[in-house]
Amino acid sequence: MIQMQDVMSKPMPDFREGSIVKGRILEIRPREVLVDIGYKSEGVIPSAEFENIDSLEVGDEVEVLLERLENDEGMVILSKEKAAYRQNWNKIASVFQGDGLIKGKVKSVVKGGLMVNIGVEAFLPASQIDIIPPKDLQQFVGNTYDFKIVKINDDRRNVVLSRRELIEQERSEKRQKFLEGVNIGDKVQGTVKNLTDFGAFIDLDGMDGLLHITDMTWGRLGHPSELVKVGQQLEVVVLDINKEKERVSLGLKQTQKNPWDQIEERFPAGQKVKGKITNLVPYGAFVELEEGVEGLIHVSELSWTKRNMRPSDILTVGQEVEAVVLGVNKEEQKISLGLRQLEPNPWDEIEKKFTIGSRVKGKIRNMTAYGAFVELDEGIDGMIHVSDLSWTKKINQPSEVLK
């Protein structure tokens, strides 16, 4: 038998409106649940406030918010959702005062960001989702992530979250760890993160390194996209480290043998070589001799006799040509080539072909105030000085006797 002193010793429930109390389920109805909180009347909670009402059983204990002690029907109005919300809000406020870290599930996409359930609804701005704001927010819906509470408003019950801060903090820790353990010359694994005109940024597990276009290949490269693509895994060599600015320079071509090693032995001056035209410019033509090695045929080395010639007049990109090595500069990685050296220099035989005193015929190619130029052979001109046009007449202009 229960003793009166035992009853009197138990703390009496706080039946103030707005307080949170414990109760036991008495009856489960289709639209509502009856709960005994120890008051003179039973309390009622809408069934919709239970996430899975099929799992409820009579006698289960629940914590509820006491909204009204009696309605018009004499029932106590209770709310399970509001009790949970208040408890969660108090927990969130406590977390905010601490490290601010909390888990949450993304519920939906809203204007400007995402709504996240962390016990209460919280807003995650799009700019705080990742380091680079994603274009497709729908991909995050339904997923659970770690967040940091960056702002709460007690009056409006608003919570603002950031996922970006945690990612940046994690990446910062990884950067420091990477910089402390890496040395120049080390080979490291990375993923192509972004491409620009001047190179590619490589993600080294939290540390971004720059792979400059000039360090991608020993050969010619117009744009980084011709060699690598975003998401590609690469092994690269660390070329330089700046710990103060947290910058790392990387090289891809350094993972391969330098084709310019022993270049002078492989391409000595005077040797005939074959290659493919890779580029034509006003001052000459570039020829690929082997992968990573190009030579330049200067416009002046195209022909012994033809003047004012453009490389495109006689050459095309992709054409296979033969040329002669004129010189090699290993330090500057330059090879000078000549096309005209494949043929004899007509000027070497000029004295035999045009002996002094012999009569020759030619076409007037050009006239100046001091004389006339006569084409004797293809690319070979002779000049008649104005003083040699006549023994007897004074000639002021070649045009007076020539045309």
Protein backbone atom coordinates (compact mmCIF):
# COMPACT_ATOMS: atom_id res chain seq x y z
CA MET A 1 0.00 0.00 0.00
CA ILE A 2 1.33 3.42 -0.98
CA GLN A 3 2.12 5.47 2.05
CA MET A 4 0.93 9.07 2.22
CA GLN A 5 4.45 10.28 2.98
CA ASP A 6 5.71 8.59 -0.25
CA VAL A 7 3.18 10.51 -2.29
CA MET A 8 3.96 13.76 -0.53
CA SER A 9 7.73 13.26 -1.02
CA LYS A 10 7.43 13.08 -4.83
CA PRO A 11 7.91 16.42 -6.61
CA MET A 12 4.67 17.81 -7.96
CA PRO A 13 4.63 18.39 -11.77
CA ASP A 14 4.87 22.02 -12.95
CA PHE A 15 1.52 22.66 -14.62
CA ARG A 16 2.26 26.16 -15.81
CA GLU A 17 1.33 26.92 -19.41
CA GLY A 18 4.47 27.00 -21.55
CA SER A 19 6.35 24.46 -19.40
CA ILE A 20 7.66 21.10 -20.60
CA VAL A 21 6.33 18.06 -18.73
CA LYS A 22 6.45 14.28 -19.06
CA GLY A 23 3.39 12.18 -19.76
CA ARG A 24 2.27 8.67 -20.65
CA ILE A 25 0.20 7.69 -23.67
CA LEU A 26 -3.31 6.58 -22.65
CA GLU A 27 -4.99 6.12 -26.01
CA ILE A 28 -4.02 6.36 -29.70
CA ARG A 29 -6.79 7.70 -31.91
CA PRO A 30 -6.77 8.30 -35.68
CA ARG A 31 -6.49 12.10 -35.36
CA GLU A 32 -5.12 12.57 -31.85
CA VAL A 33 -3.25 10.94 -28.99
CA LEU A 34 -4.43 11.13 -25.36
CA VAL A 35 -1.68 11.65 -22.80
CA ASP A 36 -1.74 11.57 -19.00
CA ILE A 37 0.51 14.26 -17.51
CA GLY A 38 -0.76 13.80 -13.94
CA TYR A 39 -3.25 16.65 -14.20
CA LYS A 40 -6.92 16.32 -13.38
CA SER A 41 -7.71 16.14 -17.11
CA GLU A 42 -6.07 14.19 -19.92
CA GLY A 43 -4.05 16.00 -22.53
CA VAL A 44 -4.42 15.75 -26.28
CA ILE A 45 -1.77 15.90 -29.02
CA PRO A 46 -2.55 15.95 -32.79
CA SER A 47 -1.46 12.68 -34.45
CA ALA A 48 0.38 14.66 -37.14
CA GLU A 49 3.03 15.67 -34.58
CA PHE A 50 4.32 12.09 -34.38
CA GLU A 51 6.74 11.11 -37.16
CA ASN A 52 5.76 7.41 -36.99
CA ILE A 53 2.53 6.96 -35.13
CA ASP A 54 2.43 3.24 -35.93
CA SER A 55 5.41 2.71 -33.63
CA LEU A 56 3.61 4.26 -30.61
CA GLU A 57 2.25 2.07 -27.85
CA VAL A 58 0.00 2.78 -24.90
CA GLY A 59 2.19 3.46 -21.86
CA ASP A 60 5.04 5.11 -23.84
CA GLU A 61 6.54 8.15 -22.14
CA VAL A 62 6.73 11.44 -24.04
CA GLU A 63 7.88 14.96 -23.25
CA VAL A 64 5.38 17.61 -24.22
CA LEU A 65 4.82 21.35 -24.03
CA LEU A 66 1.83 22.43 -21.99
CA GLU A 67 0.05 24.95 -24.23
CA ARG A 68 -3.29 25.30 -22.38
CA LEU A 69 -4.49 23.70 -19.15
CA GLU A 70 -8.07 23.45 -20.37
CA ASN A 71 -9.87 24.12 -23.62
CA ASP A 72 -13.61 24.48 -24.09
CA GLU A 73 -14.00 20.74 -23.71
CA GLY A 74 -11.95 20.60 -20.52
CA MET A 75 -9.00 18.92 -22.26
CA VAL A 76 -5.34 19.85 -21.72
CA ILE A 77 -3.74 21.05 -24.99
CA LEU A 78 -0.24 19.60 -25.47
CA SER A 79 2.41 19.75 -28.20
CA LYS A 80 5.19 17.27 -28.74
CA GLU A 81 6.71 19.27 -31.64
CA LYS A 82 6.97 22.49 -29.67
CA ALA A 83 8.58 20.69 -26.74
CA ALA A 84 11.17 19.16 -29.07
CA TYR A 85 11.72 22.53 -30.79
CA ARG A 86 12.39 24.32 -27.51
CA GLN A 87 14.73 21.59 -26.32
CA ASN A 88 16.55 21.61 -29.65
CA TRP A 89 16.79 25.41 -29.61
CA ASN A 90 18.36 25.34 -26.17
CA LYS A 91 20.80 22.69 -27.39
CA ILE A 92 21.65 24.74 -30.49
CA ALA A 93 22.19 27.88 -28.42
CA SER A 94 24.55 25.89 -26.20
CA VAL A 95 26.43 24.52 -29.26
CA PHE A 96 26.72 28.06 -30.65
CA GLN A 97 28.35 29.20 -27.44
CA GLY A 98 30.82 26.33 -27.80
CA ASP A 99 32.57 25.25 -31.01
CA GLY A 100 29.44 25.73 -33.11
CA LEU A 101 29.76 22.32 -34.80
CA ILE A 102 26.58 20.38 -35.54
CA LYS A 103 25.27 17.72 -37.92
CA GLY A 104 22.25 18.34 -40.09
CA LYS A 105 20.25 16.97 -43.00
CA VAL A 106 19.51 19.10 -46.04
CA LYS A 107 15.72 19.35 -46.46
CA SER A 108 15.13 21.53 -49.49
CA VAL A 109 16.35 24.17 -51.92
CA VAL A 110 15.14 27.71 -51.21
CA LYS A 111 15.93 31.11 -52.65
CA GLY A 112 19.58 31.87 -51.98
CA GLY A 113 20.55 28.53 -50.48
CA LEU A 114 19.36 25.42 -48.62
CA MET A 115 17.15 24.64 -45.61
CA VAL A 116 18.78 22.24 -43.17
CA ASN A 117 17.26 20.28 -40.29
CA ILE A 118 19.52 20.45 -37.24
CA GLY A 119 16.68 19.85 -34.80
CA VAL A 120 15.20 23.14 -35.94
CA GLU A 121 15.18 24.58 -39.43
CA ALA A 122 18.36 26.44 -40.32
CA PHE A 123 19.44 28.37 -43.41
CA LEU A 124 22.60 27.55 -45.35
CA PRO A 125 23.47 30.35 -47.85
CA ALA A 126 24.67 29.12 -51.27
CA SER A 127 27.95 30.99 -50.74
CA GLN A 128 28.59 28.90 -47.62
CA ILE A 129 27.97 25.47 -49.14
CA ASP A 130 31.46 24.98 -50.58
CA ILE A 131 34.62 26.92 -51.39
CA ILE A 132 33.30 27.40 -54.93
CA PRO A 133 29.50 27.97 -54.80
CA PRO A 134 27.88 25.02 -56.63
CA LYS A 135 25.50 25.60 -59.53
CA ASP A 136 23.28 22.60 -58.77
CA LEU A 137 21.92 22.85 -55.22
CA GLN A 138 19.53 19.93 -55.67
CA GLN A 139 22.43 17.46 -55.38
CA PHE A 140 22.69 18.22 -51.64
CA VAL A 141 19.04 17.53 -50.74
CA GLY A 142 18.66 14.47 -48.52
CA ASN A 143 22.34 14.33 -47.54
CA THR A 144 23.73 14.77 -44.03
CA TYR A 145 26.75 17.00 -43.43
CA ASP A 146 28.72 18.67 -40.67
CA PHE A 147 28.03 22.40 -40.31
CA LYS A 148 29.13 25.32 -38.22
CA ILE A 149 26.55 27.63 -36.65
CA VAL A 150 27.66 31.14 -37.59
CA LYS A 151 24.64 33.14 -36.45
CA ILE A 152 21.51 32.72 -34.34
CA ASN A 153 18.69 35.13 -33.57
CA ASP A 154 16.83 34.26 -30.36
CA ASP A 155 13.95 36.63 -31.05
CA ARG A 156 13.28 35.42 -34.58
CA ARG A 157 14.47 31.88 -33.93
CA ASN A 158 16.73 32.07 -37.00
CA VAL A 159 19.88 29.98 -37.47
CA VAL A 160 22.50 30.52 -40.19
CA LEU A 161 24.98 27.76 -41.02
CA SER A 162 28.25 27.42 -42.91
CA ARG A 163 29.77 24.31 -44.43
CA ARG A 164 32.44 26.29 -46.26
CA GLU A 165 34.19 27.31 -43.02
CA LEU A 166 34.70 23.68 -42.06
CA ILE A 167 35.99 22.78 -45.53
CA GLU A 168 38.41 25.74 -45.49
CA GLN A 169 39.62 24.82 -42.01
CA GLU A 170 40.16 21.22 -43.08
CA ARG A 171 42.00 22.32 -46.23
CA SER A 172 44.14 24.74 -44.19
CA GLU A 173 45.20 21.92 -41.88
CA LYS A 174 45.97 19.71 -44.89
CA ARG A 175 47.98 22.53 -46.50
CA GLN A 176 50.11 22.96 -43.41
CA LYS A 177 50.67 19.22 -43.18
CA PHE A 178 51.61 19.08 -46.87
CA LEU A 179 54.01 22.03 -46.67
CA GLU A 180 55.73 20.60 -43.61
CA GLY A 181 56.35 17.24 -45.27
CA VAL A 182 57.12 18.06 -48.92
CA ASN A 183 60.49 18.94 -50.48
CA ILE A 184 61.56 20.29 -53.86
CA GLY A 185 62.04 17.36 -56.22
CA ASP A 186 59.40 15.17 -54.58
CA LYS A 187 56.89 13.37 -56.79
CA VAL A 188 53.30 13.85 -55.60
CA GLN A 189 49.85 12.72 -56.75
CA GLY A 190 47.16 15.25 -57.57
CA THR A 191 43.91 15.91 -59.40
CA VAL A 192 43.42 18.55 -62.08
CA LYS A 193 41.07 21.08 -60.46
CA ASN A 194 40.93 23.94 -62.95
CA LEU A 195 42.38 24.96 -66.31
CA THR A 196 43.50 28.43 -67.40
CA ASP A 197 45.33 29.80 -70.43
CA PHE A 198 48.62 29.76 -68.50
CA GLY A 199 48.37 26.36 -66.85
CA ALA A 200 46.42 24.02 -64.59
CA PHE A 201 45.71 24.07 -60.85
CA ILE A 202 46.30 20.72 -59.20
CA ASP A 203 44.55 19.67 -55.98
CA LEU A 204 47.14 17.96 -53.79
CA ASP A 205 44.60 16.80 -51.19
CA GLY A 206 43.81 20.25 -49.85
CA MET A 207 46.84 22.08 -51.26
CA ASP A 208 46.52 23.76 -54.66
CA GLY A 209 49.62 23.71 -56.84
CA LEU A 210 50.20 25.45 -60.17
CA LEU A 211 51.33 23.41 -63.15
CA HIS A 212 52.47 26.08 -65.62
CA ILE A 213 51.95 25.41 -69.31
CA THR A 214 55.71 25.62 -69.91
CA ASP A 215 56.23 22.73 -67.46
CA MET A 216 53.59 20.43 -68.93
CA THR A 217 55.52 19.01 -71.85
CA TRP A 218 58.91 19.30 -73.51
CA GLY A 219 57.09 19.85 -76.81
CA ARG A 220 54.85 22.60 -78.16
CA LEU A 221 51.50 23.13 -76.42
CA GLY A 222 48.91 25.70 -77.43
CA HIS A 223 46.59 25.29 -74.44
CA PRO A 224 46.61 23.09 -71.29
CA SER A 225 43.34 21.46 -72.42
CA GLU A 226 45.26 19.79 -75.25
CA LEU A 227 47.10 17.64 -72.69
CA VAL A 228 45.08 17.40 -69.46
CA LYS A 229 41.44 17.65 -68.36
CA VAL A 230 39.61 18.54 -65.14
CA GLY A 231 39.37 15.54 -62.81
CA GLN A 232 42.40 13.78 -64.29
CA GLN A 233 44.85 12.15 -61.87
CA LEU A 234 48.49 13.17 -62.37
CA GLU A 235 51.89 12.45 -60.90
CA VAL A 236 53.89 15.69 -60.82
CA VAL A 237 57.23 16.94 -59.50
CA VAL A 238 57.48 19.74 -56.92
CA LEU A 239 59.59 22.47 -58.54
CA ASP A 240 59.30 25.26 -55.98
CA ILE A 241 57.74 25.89 -52.53
CA ASN A 242 56.75 29.21 -50.94
CA LYS A 243 55.58 28.41 -47.42
CA GLU A 244 54.82 32.03 -46.53
CA LYS A 245 52.42 32.46 -49.46
CA GLU A 246 51.39 28.78 -49.42
CA ARG A 247 52.29 28.33 -53.09
CA VAL A 248 53.67 25.28 -54.83
CA SER A 249 54.98 25.13 -58.41
CA LEU A 250 54.68 21.78 -60.16
CA GLY A 251 56.10 20.12 -63.25
CA LEU A 252 54.76 17.33 -65.42
CA LYS A 253 57.46 17.20 -68.08
CA GLN A 254 60.04 16.72 -65.34
CA THR A 255 58.62 13.21 -64.77
CA GLN A 256 59.96 12.32 -68.23
CA LYS A 257 63.47 12.24 -69.66
CA ASN A 258 64.61 15.62 -70.97
CA PRO A 259 64.92 15.23 -74.76
CA TRP A 260 67.46 18.08 -74.79
CA ASP A 261 69.99 15.98 -72.91
CA GLN A 262 72.88 15.13 -75.29
CA ILE A 263 71.11 17.17 -77.97
CA GLU A 264 74.40 18.32 -79.52
CA GLU A 265 75.56 14.73 -79.99
CA ARG A 266 72.28 13.70 -81.61
CA PHE A 267 71.95 16.77 -83.85
CA PRO A 268 75.45 17.99 -84.76
CA ALA A 269 75.88 21.00 -87.05
CA GLY A 270 75.83 20.06 -90.74
CA GLN A 271 73.66 16.96 -90.26
CA LYS A 272 70.63 16.50 -92.48
CA VAL A 273 67.44 15.90 -90.51
CA LYS A 274 63.77 15.26 -91.25
CA GLY A 275 60.78 16.67 -89.40
CA LYS A 276 57.24 17.99 -89.55
CA ILE A 277 56.25 21.66 -89.86
CA THR A 278 54.35 22.54 -86.66
CA ASN A 279 53.97 26.30 -87.02
CA LEU A 280 54.54 29.08 -89.53
CA VAL A 281 55.35 32.63 -88.43
CA PRO A 282 56.51 35.69 -90.38
CA TYR A 283 60.13 35.12 -89.36
CA GLY A 284 60.33 31.40 -90.12
CA ALA A 285 59.01 27.87 -89.73
CA PHE A 286 59.14 25.57 -86.69
CA VAL A 287 59.98 21.93 -87.36
CA GLU A 288 59.39 19.06 -84.92
CA LEU A 289 62.43 16.81 -85.12
CA GLU A 290 61.26 14.43 -82.38
CA GLU A 291 58.83 14.62 -79.48
CA GLY A 292 59.77 17.63 -77.39
CA VAL A 293 62.43 18.93 -79.78
CA GLU A 294 61.77 21.64 -82.35
CA GLY A 295 64.05 23.57 -84.65
CA LEU A 296 63.56 26.88 -86.47
CA ILE A 297 64.14 27.48 -90.16
CA HIS A 298 64.64 31.24 -90.27
CA VAL A 299 63.08 33.01 -93.24
CA SER A 300 66.59 33.99 -94.38
CA GLU A 301 67.51 30.29 -94.60
CA LEU A 302 64.69 29.27 -96.93
CA SER A 303 66.33 30.10 -100.27
CA TRP A 304 69.63 31.29 -101.67
CA THR A 305 68.05 33.44 -104.35
CA LYS A 306 64.38 34.22 -103.65
CA ARG A 307 63.81 37.53 -101.89
CA ASN A 308 60.91 38.85 -99.81
CA MET A 309 59.73 35.32 -99.28
CA ARG A 310 57.24 34.28 -96.62
CA PRO A 311 57.48 30.78 -95.11
CA SER A 312 53.89 30.10 -96.13
CA ASP A 313 54.86 30.65 -99.77
CA ILE A 314 56.66 27.31 -99.93
CA LEU A 315 55.74 25.45 -96.71
CA THR A 316 52.54 24.24 -94.99
CA VAL A 317 51.78 23.09 -91.44
CA GLY A 318 52.02 19.29 -91.23
CA GLN A 319 54.41 19.04 -94.20
CA GLU A 320 57.35 16.66 -93.87
CA VAL A 321 60.59 18.44 -94.75
CA GLU A 322 64.31 17.80 -94.82
CA ALA A 323 66.69 20.44 -93.48
CA VAL A 324 70.28 20.95 -92.37
CA VAL A 325 71.30 21.63 -88.75
CA LEU A 326 73.07 24.99 -88.61
CA GLY A 327 73.56 25.26 -84.86
CA VAL A 328 72.38 24.05 -81.42
CA ASN A 329 71.96 26.07 -78.21
CA LYS A 330 71.31 23.54 -75.44
CA GLU A 331 70.87 26.15 -72.68
CA GLU A 332 68.17 28.05 -74.58
CA GLN A 333 66.83 24.83 -76.14
CA LYS A 334 67.09 26.17 -79.67
CA ILE A 335 68.12 24.48 -82.91
CA SER A 336 68.76 26.52 -86.04
CA LEU A 337 67.90 24.81 -89.31
CA GLY A 338 68.40 25.66 -92.95
CA LEU A 339 66.43 24.67 -96.01
CA ARG A 340 68.58 26.33 -98.67
CA GLN A 341 71.68 24.43 -97.49
CA LEU A 342 70.25 21.31 -99.17
CA GLU A 343 71.23 22.90 -102.50
CA PRO A 344 74.54 24.40 -103.68
CA ASN A 345 74.96 28.11 -103.11
CA PRO A 346 74.83 29.68 -106.60
CA TRP A 347 77.11 32.48 -105.41
CA ASP A 348 79.89 29.98 -104.82
CA GLU A 349 80.15 29.50 -108.64
CA ILE A 350 79.39 33.07 -109.62
CA GLU A 351 82.96 33.94 -110.71
CA LYS A 352 83.10 30.95 -113.05
CA LYS A 353 79.66 31.54 -114.52
CA PHE A 354 80.04 35.30 -115.01
CA THR A 355 83.70 36.03 -115.82
CA ILE A 356 84.97 39.59 -115.95
CA GLY A 357 84.78 40.96 -119.50
CA SER A 358 82.15 38.49 -120.73
CA ARG A 359 78.95 39.76 -122.31
CA VAL A 360 75.69 38.84 -120.60
CA LYS A 361 72.00 39.42 -121.18
CA GLY A 362 69.41 40.20 -118.51
CA LYS A 363 66.15 41.88 -117.68
CA ILE A 364 65.99 45.27 -115.99
CA ARG A 365 64.48 44.49 -112.60
CA ASN A 366 64.75 47.83 -110.86
CA MET A 367 66.14 51.35 -111.40
CA THR A 368 67.37 53.89 -108.87
CA ALA A 369 68.94 57.32 -109.11
CA TYR A 370 72.41 55.78 -109.10
CA GLY A 371 71.89 52.90 -111.50
CA ALA A 372 69.89 49.93 -112.76
CA PHE A 373 69.63 46.34 -111.43
CA VAL A 374 69.71 43.59 -114.02
CA GLU A 375 68.56 40.02 -113.31
CA LEU A 376 71.24 37.70 -114.76
CA ASP A 377 69.86 34.48 -113.31
CA GLU A 378 67.16 33.51 -110.82
CA GLY A 379 67.96 35.46 -107.68
CA ILE A 380 71.22 36.90 -109.06
CA ASP A 381 71.27 40.57 -109.94
CA GLY A 382 74.00 42.73 -111.37
CA MET A 383 74.10 46.51 -111.15
CA ILE A 384 74.88 48.98 -113.99
CA HIS A 385 76.03 52.17 -112.35
CA VAL A 386 74.73 55.36 -113.93
CA SER A 387 78.32 56.34 -114.75
CA ASP A 388 78.72 53.15 -116.83
CA LEU A 389 75.72 53.70 -119.07
CA SER A 390 77.56 55.81 -121.71
CA TRP A 391 81.07 56.88 -122.65
CA THR A 392 79.99 60.14 -124.26
CA LYS A 393 76.68 61.26 -122.81
CA LYS A 394 76.11 62.52 -119.33
CA ILE A 395 73.30 60.41 -117.95
CA ASN A 396 71.48 61.80 -114.92
CA GLN A 397 68.88 59.02 -114.59
CA PRO A 398 69.05 55.40 -115.85
CA SER A 399 65.55 55.86 -117.22
CA GLU A 400 66.97 58.20 -119.87
CA VAL A 401 68.42 55.21 -121.76
CA LEU A 402 66.79 52.14 -120.15
CA LYS A 403 63.29 50.95 -119.48
